[in-house]
Amino acid sequence: MKLNISATCLLLSMLFSGAAFADADDRKWISQCIKDNKGEGATAEVVRKYCVCMNDKMDENETRSISVWEKANPKAMHDCEKQAGWK
């Protein structure tokens, strides 16, 4: 019984530590995207929405920045511009 509880606790801790890492990684990519798009003429809120949208469209294993990835994925870029209200 103790082994089952220990195994369950270990599994849950691994699961939650991975989720925290993914969130930190997402924040890093989104922050860089916001910096890259700061002078593009949109409000800070629109840029943030755009960057979050682009990050959500990217695969979790993507190694390119959002700013590089968007150039190779114009449909996703257009969809996120529209969703964020970028004009």
PDB file of N, CA and C in Angstrom:
ATOM      1  N   MET A   1       0.820  -1.193   0.000  1.00  0.00           N
ATOM      2  CA  MET A   1       0.000   0.000   0.000  1.00  0.00           C
ATOM      3  C   MET A   1       0.864   1.258   0.000  1.00  0.00           C
ATOM      4  N   LYS A   2       1.909   1.250   0.852  1.00  0.00           N
ATOM      5  CA  LYS A   2       2.790   2.412   0.916  1.00  0.00           C
ATOM      6  C   LYS A   2       3.497   2.639  -0.411  1.00  0.00           C
ATOM      7  N   LEU A   3       3.823   1.550  -1.109  1.00  0.00           N
ATOM      8  CA  LEU A   3       4.485   1.662  -2.403  1.00  0.00           C
ATOM      9  C   LEU A   3       3.564   2.342  -3.416  1.00  0.00           C
ATOM     10  N   ASN A   4       2.286   1.992  -3.416  1.00  0.00           N
ATOM     11  CA  ASN A   4       1.327   2.614  -4.330  1.00  0.00           C
ATOM     12  C   ASN A   4       1.181   4.104  -4.053  1.00  0.00           C
ATOM     13  N   ILE A   5       1.122   4.475  -2.794  1.00  0.00           N
ATOM     14  CA  ILE A   5       1.001   5.891  -2.431  1.00  0.00           C
ATOM     15  C   ILE A   5       2.259   6.642  -2.832  1.00  0.00           C
ATOM     16  N   SER A   6       3.420   6.050  -2.588  1.00  0.00           N
ATOM     17  CA  SER A   6       4.685   6.691  -2.958  1.00  0.00           C
ATOM     18  C   SER A   6       4.790   6.858  -4.468  1.00  0.00           C
ATOM     19  N   ALA A   7       4.414   5.830  -5.205  1.00  0.00           N
ATOM     20  CA  ALA A   7       4.464   5.894  -6.665  1.00  0.00           C
ATOM     21  C   ALA A   7       3.508   6.959  -7.190  1.00  0.00           C
ATOM     22  N   THR A   8       2.329   7.039  -6.612  1.00  0.00           N
ATOM     23  CA  THR A   8       1.354   8.050  -7.022  1.00  0.00           C
ATOM     24  C   THR A   8       1.872   9.453  -6.740  1.00  0.00           C
ATOM     25  N   CYS A   9       2.456   9.654  -5.574  1.00  0.00           N
ATOM     26  CA  CYS A   9       3.016  10.966  -5.224  1.00  0.00           C
ATOM     27  C   CYS A   9       4.145  11.351  -6.171  1.00  0.00           C
ATOM     28  N   LEU A  10       5.004  10.395  -6.495  1.00  0.00           N
ATOM     29  CA  LEU A  10       6.105  10.659  -7.418  1.00  0.00           C
ATOM     30  C   LEU A  10       5.573  11.033  -8.797  1.00  0.00           C
ATOM     31  N   LEU A  11       4.600  10.294  -9.271  1.00  0.00           N
ATOM     32  CA  LEU A  11       4.009  10.572 -10.573  1.00  0.00           C
ATOM     33  C   LEU A  11       3.369  11.957 -10.611  1.00  0.00           C
ATOM     34  N   LEU A  12       2.627  12.310  -9.585  1.00  0.00           N
ATOM     35  CA  LEU A  12       1.979  13.623  -9.532  1.00  0.00           C
ATOM     36  C   LEU A  12       3.004  14.750  -9.464  1.00  0.00           C
ATOM     37  N   SER A  13       4.071  14.561  -8.706  1.00  0.00           N
ATOM     38  CA  SER A  13       5.085  15.614  -8.613  1.00  0.00           C
ATOM     39  C   SER A  13       5.781  15.814  -9.951  1.00  0.00           C
ATOM     40  N   MET A  14       6.021  14.729 -10.677  1.00  0.00           N
ATOM     41  CA  MET A  14       6.637  14.848 -12.001  1.00  0.00           C
ATOM     42  C   MET A  14       5.694  15.550 -12.968  1.00  0.00           C
ATOM     43  N   LEU A  15       4.431  15.230 -12.892  1.00  0.00           N
ATOM     44  CA  LEU A  15       3.435  15.839 -13.765  1.00  0.00           C
ATOM     45  C   LEU A  15       3.356  17.339 -13.540  1.00  0.00           C
ATOM     46  N   PHE A  16       3.261  17.756 -12.281  1.00  0.00           N
ATOM     47  CA  PHE A  16       3.120  19.178 -11.979  1.00  0.00           C
ATOM     48  C   PHE A  16       4.407  19.950 -12.208  1.00  0.00           C
ATOM     49  N   SER A  17       5.561  19.356 -11.996  1.00  0.00           N
ATOM     50  CA  SER A  17       6.814  20.067 -12.255  1.00  0.00           C
ATOM     51  C   SER A  17       6.986  20.291 -13.748  1.00  0.00           C
ATOM     52  N   GLY A  18       6.543  19.361 -14.581  1.00  0.00           N
ATOM     53  CA  GLY A  18       6.598  19.536 -16.027  1.00  0.00           C
ATOM     54  C   GLY A  18       5.684  20.649 -16.490  1.00  0.00           C
ATOM     55  N   ALA A  19       4.501  20.756 -15.891  1.00  0.00           N
ATOM     56  CA  ALA A  19       3.564  21.822 -16.251  1.00  0.00           C
ATOM     57  C   ALA A  19       4.130  23.182 -15.878  1.00  0.00           C
ATOM     58  N   ALA A  20       4.781  23.276 -14.738  1.00  0.00           N
ATOM     59  CA  ALA A  20       5.373  24.548 -14.322  1.00  0.00           C
ATOM     60  C   ALA A  20       6.487  24.943 -15.270  1.00  0.00           C
ATOM     61  N   PHE A  21       7.275  23.971 -15.718  1.00  0.00           N
ATOM     62  CA  PHE A  21       8.353  24.257 -16.656  1.00  0.00           C
ATOM     63  C   PHE A  21       7.797  24.761 -17.982  1.00  0.00           C
ATOM     64  N   ALA A  22       6.730  24.124 -18.464  1.00  0.00           N
ATOM     65  CA  ALA A  22       6.131  24.548 -19.728  1.00  0.00           C
ATOM     66  C   ALA A  22       5.609  25.973 -19.620  1.00  0.00           C
ATOM     67  N   ASP A  23       5.010  26.312 -18.499  1.00  0.00           N
ATOM     68  CA  ASP A  23       4.509  27.666 -18.323  1.00  0.00           C
ATOM     69  C   ASP A  23       5.644  28.685 -18.330  1.00  0.00           C
ATOM     70  N   ALA A  24       6.746  28.372 -17.679  1.00  0.00           N
ATOM     71  CA  ALA A  24       7.896  29.278 -17.655  1.00  0.00           C
ATOM     72  C   ALA A  24       8.471  29.422 -19.056  1.00  0.00           C
ATOM     73  N   ASP A  25       8.522  28.331 -19.804  1.00  0.00           N
ATOM     74  CA  ASP A  25       9.031  28.372 -21.170  1.00  0.00           C
ATOM     75  C   ASP A  25       8.115  29.210 -22.058  1.00  0.00           C
ATOM     76  N   ASP A  26       6.801  29.021 -21.903  1.00  0.00           N
ATOM     77  CA  ASP A  26       5.844  29.813 -22.674  1.00  0.00           C
ATOM     78  C   ASP A  26       5.998  31.299 -22.364  1.00  0.00           C
ATOM     79  N   ARG A  27       6.140  31.627 -21.093  1.00  0.00           N
ATOM     80  CA  ARG A  27       6.308  33.041 -20.712  1.00  0.00           C
ATOM     81  C   ARG A  27       7.561  33.630 -21.341  1.00  0.00           C
ATOM     82  N   LYS A  28       8.627  32.848 -21.412  1.00  0.00           N
ATOM     83  CA  LYS A  28       9.874  33.318 -22.028  1.00  0.00           C
ATOM     84  C   LYS A  28       9.652  33.641 -23.506  1.00  0.00           C
ATOM     85  N   TRP A  29       9.013  32.724 -24.238  1.00  0.00           N
ATOM     86  CA  TRP A  29       8.761  32.940 -25.662  1.00  0.00           C
ATOM     87  C   TRP A  29       7.820  34.125 -25.890  1.00  0.00           C
ATOM     88  N   ILE A  30       6.780  34.225 -25.080  1.00  0.00           N
ATOM     89  CA  ILE A  30       5.819  35.321 -25.226  1.00  0.00           C
ATOM     90  C   ILE A  30       6.483  36.657 -24.919  1.00  0.00           C
ATOM     91  N   SER A  31       7.296  36.714 -23.888  1.00  0.00           N
ATOM     92  CA  SER A  31       8.007  37.961 -23.544  1.00  0.00           C
ATOM     93  C   SER A  31       8.922  38.400 -24.675  1.00  0.00           C
ATOM     94  N   GLN A  32       9.620  37.446 -25.286  1.00  0.00           N
ATOM     95  CA  GLN A  32      10.499  37.789 -26.408  1.00  0.00           C
ATOM     96  C   GLN A  32       9.688  38.286 -27.594  1.00  0.00           C
ATOM     97  N   CYS A  33       8.563  37.663 -27.866  1.00  0.00           N
ATOM     98  CA  CYS A  33       7.688  38.095 -28.958  1.00  0.00           C
ATOM     99  C   CYS A  33       7.198  39.519 -28.721  1.00  0.00           C
ATOM    100  N   ILE A  34       6.817  39.824 -27.488  1.00  0.00           N
ATOM    101  CA  ILE A  34       6.352  41.177 -27.155  1.00  0.00           C
ATOM    102  C   ILE A  34       7.464  42.191 -27.407  1.00  0.00           C
ATOM    103  N   LYS A  35       8.683  41.872 -27.002  1.00  0.00           N
ATOM    104  CA  LYS A  35       9.826  42.764 -27.251  1.00  0.00           C
ATOM    105  C   LYS A  35      10.052  42.939 -28.749  1.00  0.00           C
ATOM    106  N   ASP A  36       9.970  41.841 -29.501  1.00  0.00           N
ATOM    107  CA  ASP A  36      10.203  41.887 -30.945  1.00  0.00           C
ATOM    108  C   ASP A  36       9.157  42.721 -31.676  1.00  0.00           C
ATOM    109  N   ASN A  37       7.946  42.804 -31.143  1.00  0.00           N
ATOM    110  CA  ASN A  37       6.847  43.510 -31.814  1.00  0.00           C
ATOM    111  C   ASN A  37       6.503  44.846 -31.174  1.00  0.00           C
ATOM    112  N   LYS A  38       7.334  45.312 -30.271  1.00  0.00           N
ATOM    113  CA  LYS A  38       7.044  46.533 -29.517  1.00  0.00           C
ATOM    114  C   LYS A  38       6.849  47.759 -30.412  1.00  0.00           C
ATOM    115  N   GLY A  39       7.629  47.909 -31.434  1.00  0.00           N
ATOM    116  CA  GLY A  39       7.555  49.094 -32.278  1.00  0.00           C
ATOM    117  C   GLY A  39       6.722  48.925 -33.532  1.00  0.00           C
ATOM    118  N   GLU A  40       5.817  47.974 -33.549  1.00  0.00           N
ATOM    119  CA  GLU A  40       5.036  47.685 -34.754  1.00  0.00           C
ATOM    120  C   GLU A  40       3.732  48.471 -34.850  1.00  0.00           C
ATOM    121  N   GLY A  41       3.452  49.336 -33.888  1.00  0.00           N
ATOM    122  CA  GLY A  41       2.295  50.216 -33.982  1.00  0.00           C
ATOM    123  C   GLY A  41       1.024  49.742 -33.304  1.00  0.00           C
ATOM    124  N   ALA A  42       1.028  48.573 -32.711  1.00  0.00           N
ATOM    125  CA  ALA A  42      -0.163  48.081 -32.010  1.00  0.00           C
ATOM    126  C   ALA A  42      -0.042  48.387 -30.521  1.00  0.00           C
ATOM    127  N   THR A  43      -1.181  48.375 -29.830  1.00  0.00           N
ATOM    128  CA  THR A  43      -1.151  48.597 -28.383  1.00  0.00           C
ATOM    129  C   THR A  43      -0.497  47.397 -27.700  1.00  0.00           C
ATOM    130  N   ALA A  44      -0.057  47.605 -26.465  1.00  0.00           N
ATOM    131  CA  ALA A  44       0.585  46.528 -25.709  1.00  0.00           C
ATOM    132  C   ALA A  44      -0.365  45.340 -25.534  1.00  0.00           C
ATOM    133  N   GLU A  45      -1.643  45.614 -25.312  1.00  0.00           N
ATOM    134  CA  GLU A  45      -2.628  44.541 -25.132  1.00  0.00           C
ATOM    135  C   GLU A  45      -2.786  43.712 -26.404  1.00  0.00           C
ATOM    136  N   VAL A  46      -2.838  44.377 -27.552  1.00  0.00           N
ATOM    137  CA  VAL A  46      -2.981  43.673 -28.827  1.00  0.00           C
ATOM    138  C   VAL A  46      -1.745  42.813 -29.097  1.00  0.00           C
ATOM    139  N   VAL A  47      -0.569  43.364 -28.849  1.00  0.00           N
ATOM    140  CA  VAL A  47       0.670  42.608 -29.062  1.00  0.00           C
ATOM    141  C   VAL A  47       0.700  41.385 -28.152  1.00  0.00           C
ATOM    142  N   ARG A  48       0.306  41.550 -26.892  1.00  0.00           N
ATOM    143  CA  ARG A  48       0.296  40.426 -25.959  1.00  0.00           C
ATOM    144  C   ARG A  48      -0.673  39.341 -26.427  1.00  0.00           C
ATOM    145  N   LYS A  49      -1.870  39.742 -26.843  1.00  0.00           N
ATOM    146  CA  LYS A  49      -2.849  38.764 -27.340  1.00  0.00           C
ATOM    147  C   LYS A  49      -2.310  38.036 -28.569  1.00  0.00           C
ATOM    148  N   TYR A  50      -1.667  38.783 -29.455  1.00  0.00           N
ATOM    149  CA  TYR A  50      -1.083  38.189 -30.658  1.00  0.00           C
ATOM    150  C   TYR A  50      -0.016  37.157 -30.287  1.00  0.00           C
ATOM    151  N   CYS A  51       0.876  37.530 -29.386  1.00  0.00           N
ATOM    152  CA  CYS A  51       1.977  36.639 -29.004  1.00  0.00           C
ATOM    153  C   CYS A  51       1.471  35.387 -28.292  1.00  0.00           C
ATOM    154  N   VAL A  52       0.467  35.536 -27.445  1.00  0.00           N
ATOM    155  CA  VAL A  52      -0.117  34.376 -26.766  1.00  0.00           C
ATOM    156  C   VAL A  52      -0.768  33.455 -27.795  1.00  0.00           C
ATOM    157  N   CYS A  53      -1.487  34.019 -28.734  1.00  0.00           N
ATOM    158  CA  CYS A  53      -2.130  33.236 -29.791  1.00  0.00           C
ATOM    159  C   CYS A  53      -1.085  32.469 -30.600  1.00  0.00           C
ATOM    160  N   MET A  54      -0.022  33.153 -31.006  1.00  0.00           N
ATOM    161  CA  MET A  54       1.027  32.495 -31.785  1.00  0.00           C
ATOM    162  C   MET A  54       1.680  31.385 -30.975  1.00  0.00           C
ATOM    163  N   ASN A  55       1.951  31.642 -29.722  1.00  0.00           N
ATOM    164  CA  ASN A  55       2.560  30.623 -28.866  1.00  0.00           C
ATOM    165  C   ASN A  55       1.652  29.400 -28.749  1.00  0.00           C
ATOM    166  N   ASP A  56       0.347  29.637 -28.645  1.00  0.00           N
ATOM    167  CA  ASP A  56      -0.602  28.531 -28.538  1.00  0.00           C
ATOM    168  C   ASP A  56      -0.648  27.694 -29.814  1.00  0.00           C
ATOM    169  N   LYS A  57      -0.400  28.309 -30.955  1.00  0.00           N
ATOM    170  CA  LYS A  57      -0.435  27.587 -32.227  1.00  0.00           C
ATOM    171  C   LYS A  57       0.831  26.760 -32.462  1.00  0.00           C
ATOM    172  N   MET A  58       1.909  27.128 -31.794  1.00  0.00           N
ATOM    173  CA  MET A  58       3.179  26.432 -31.989  1.00  0.00           C
ATOM    174  C   MET A  58       3.194  25.100 -31.248  1.00  0.00           C
ATOM    175  N   ASP A  59       3.921  24.148 -31.796  1.00  0.00           N
ATOM    176  CA  ASP A  59       4.121  22.857 -31.142  1.00  0.00           C
ATOM    177  C   ASP A  59       4.956  23.044 -29.881  1.00  0.00           C
ATOM    178  N   GLU A  60       4.699  22.246 -28.867  1.00  0.00           N
ATOM    179  CA  GLU A  60       5.445  22.343 -27.605  1.00  0.00           C
ATOM    180  C   GLU A  60       6.938  22.090 -27.793  1.00  0.00           C
ATOM    181  N   ASN A  61       7.314  21.362 -28.831  1.00  0.00           N
ATOM    182  CA  ASN A  61       8.718  21.031 -29.068  1.00  0.00           C
ATOM    183  C   ASN A  61       9.404  21.995 -30.029  1.00  0.00           C
ATOM    184  N   GLU A  62       8.721  23.060 -30.412  1.00  0.00           N
ATOM    185  CA  GLU A  62       9.291  24.042 -31.342  1.00  0.00           C
ATOM    186  C   GLU A  62      10.509  24.706 -30.708  1.00  0.00           C
ATOM    187  N   THR A  63      11.565  24.851 -31.503  1.00  0.00           N
ATOM    188  CA  THR A  63      12.796  25.467 -30.996  1.00  0.00           C
ATOM    189  C   THR A  63      12.988  26.888 -31.508  1.00  0.00           C
ATOM    190  N   ARG A  64      12.234  27.271 -32.531  1.00  0.00           N
ATOM    191  CA  ARG A  64      12.356  28.635 -33.060  1.00  0.00           C
ATOM    192  C   ARG A  64      11.546  29.603 -32.211  1.00  0.00           C
ATOM    193  N   SER A  65      11.968  30.861 -32.202  1.00  0.00           N
ATOM    194  CA  SER A  65      11.197  31.890 -31.502  1.00  0.00           C
ATOM    195  C   SER A  65       9.893  32.125 -32.259  1.00  0.00           C
ATOM    196  N   ILE A  66       8.953  32.765 -31.597  1.00  0.00           N
ATOM    197  CA  ILE A  66       7.684  33.091 -32.242  1.00  0.00           C
ATOM    198  C   ILE A  66       7.935  33.971 -33.459  1.00  0.00           C
ATOM    199  N   SER A  67       8.840  34.926 -33.336  1.00  0.00           N
ATOM    200  CA  SER A  67       9.120  35.857 -34.433  1.00  0.00           C
ATOM    201  C   SER A  67       9.700  35.151 -35.652  1.00  0.00           C
ATOM    202  N   VAL A  68      10.474  34.107 -35.454  1.00  0.00           N
ATOM    203  CA  VAL A  68      11.006  33.327 -36.576  1.00  0.00           C
ATOM    204  C   VAL A  68       9.924  32.392 -37.113  1.00  0.00           C
ATOM    205  N   TRP A  69       9.198  31.745 -36.209  1.00  0.00           N
ATOM    206  CA  TRP A  69       8.173  30.780 -36.597  1.00  0.00           C
ATOM    207  C   TRP A  69       7.061  31.433 -37.409  1.00  0.00           C
ATOM    208  N   GLU A  70       6.692  32.671 -37.067  1.00  0.00           N
ATOM    209  CA  GLU A  70       5.579  33.327 -37.762  1.00  0.00           C
ATOM    210  C   GLU A  70       5.886  33.549 -39.240  1.00  0.00           C
ATOM    211  N   LYS A  71       7.149  33.754 -39.582  1.00  0.00           N
ATOM    212  CA  LYS A  71       7.520  33.970 -40.990  1.00  0.00           C
ATOM    213  C   LYS A  71       7.302  32.715 -41.832  1.00  0.00           C
ATOM    214  N   ALA A  72       7.428  31.552 -41.214  1.00  0.00           N
ATOM    215  CA  ALA A  72       7.219  30.287 -41.912  1.00  0.00           C
ATOM    216  C   ALA A  72       5.762  29.823 -41.849  1.00  0.00           C
ATOM    217  N   ASN A  73       4.938  30.541 -41.103  1.00  0.00           N
ATOM    218  CA  ASN A  73       3.539  30.150 -40.909  1.00  0.00           C
ATOM    219  C   ASN A  73       2.616  31.359 -41.067  1.00  0.00           C
ATOM    220  N   PRO A  74       2.516  31.892 -42.295  1.00  0.00           N
ATOM    221  CA  PRO A  74       1.730  33.118 -42.497  1.00  0.00           C
ATOM    222  C   PRO A  74       0.242  32.963 -42.188  1.00  0.00           C
ATOM    223  N   LYS A  75      -0.317  31.760 -42.362  1.00  0.00           N
ATOM    224  CA  LYS A  75      -1.736  31.574 -42.045  1.00  0.00           C
ATOM    225  C   LYS A  75      -1.969  31.741 -40.544  1.00  0.00           C
ATOM    226  N   ALA A  76      -1.116  31.147 -39.741  1.00  0.00           N
ATOM    227  CA  ALA A  76      -1.229  31.289 -38.282  1.00  0.00           C
ATOM    228  C   ALA A  76      -1.041  32.748 -37.890  1.00  0.00           C
ATOM    229  N   MET A  77      -0.083  33.420 -38.530  1.00  0.00           N
ATOM    230  CA  MET A  77       0.170  34.827 -38.237  1.00  0.00           C
ATOM    231  C   MET A  77      -1.079  35.660 -38.540  1.00  0.00           C
ATOM    232  N   HIS A  78      -1.691  35.426 -39.685  1.00  0.00           N
ATOM    233  CA  HIS A  78      -2.894  36.172 -40.068  1.00  0.00           C
ATOM    234  C   HIS A  78      -4.044  35.883 -39.098  1.00  0.00           C
ATOM    235  N   ASP A  79      -4.223  34.620 -38.745  1.00  0.00           N
ATOM    236  CA  ASP A  79      -5.284  34.250 -37.796  1.00  0.00           C
ATOM    237  C   ASP A  79      -5.098  34.955 -36.453  1.00  0.00           C
ATOM    238  N   CYS A  80      -3.861  34.992 -35.970  1.00  0.00           N
ATOM    239  CA  CYS A  80      -3.592  35.612 -34.668  1.00  0.00           C
ATOM    240  C   CYS A  80      -3.709  37.135 -34.733  1.00  0.00           C
ATOM    241  N   GLU A  81      -3.298  37.729 -35.856  1.00  0.00           N
ATOM    242  CA  GLU A  81      -3.481  39.178 -36.019  1.00  0.00           C
ATOM    243  C   GLU A  81      -4.965  39.523 -35.920  1.00  0.00           C
ATOM    244  N   LYS A  82      -5.781  38.736 -36.598  1.00  0.00           N
ATOM    245  CA  LYS A  82      -7.229  38.964 -36.594  1.00  0.00           C
ATOM    246  C   LYS A  82      -7.807  38.751 -35.193  1.00  0.00           C
ATOM    247  N   GLN A  83      -7.414  37.671 -34.540  1.00  0.00           N
ATOM    248  CA  GLN A  83      -7.922  37.357 -33.204  1.00  0.00           C
ATOM    249  C   GLN A  83      -7.513  38.419 -32.188  1.00  0.00           C
ATOM    250  N   ALA A  84      -6.310  38.971 -32.334  1.00  0.00           N
ATOM    251  CA  ALA A  84      -5.811  39.968 -31.380  1.00  0.00           C
ATOM    252  C   ALA A  84      -6.357  41.365 -31.661  1.00  0.00           C
ATOM    253  N   GLY A  85      -6.923  41.569 -32.853  1.00  0.00           N
ATOM    254  CA  GLY A  85      -7.421  42.891 -33.209  1.00  0.00           C
ATOM    255  C   GLY A  85      -6.348  43.799 -33.778  1.00  0.00           C
ATOM    256  N   TRP A  86      -5.314  43.213 -34.352  1.00  0.00           N
ATOM    257  CA  TRP A  86      -4.211  43.980 -34.938  1.00  0.00           C
ATOM    258  C   TRP A  86      -4.690  44.593 -36.243  1.00  0.00           C
ATOM    259  N   LYS A  87      -4.503  45.904 -36.360  1.00  0.00           N
ATOM    260  CA  LYS A  87      -4.948  46.600 -37.588  1.00  0.00           C
ATOM    261  C   LYS A  87      -3.806  47.302 -38.250  1.00  0.00           C
TER     262      LYS A  87
END
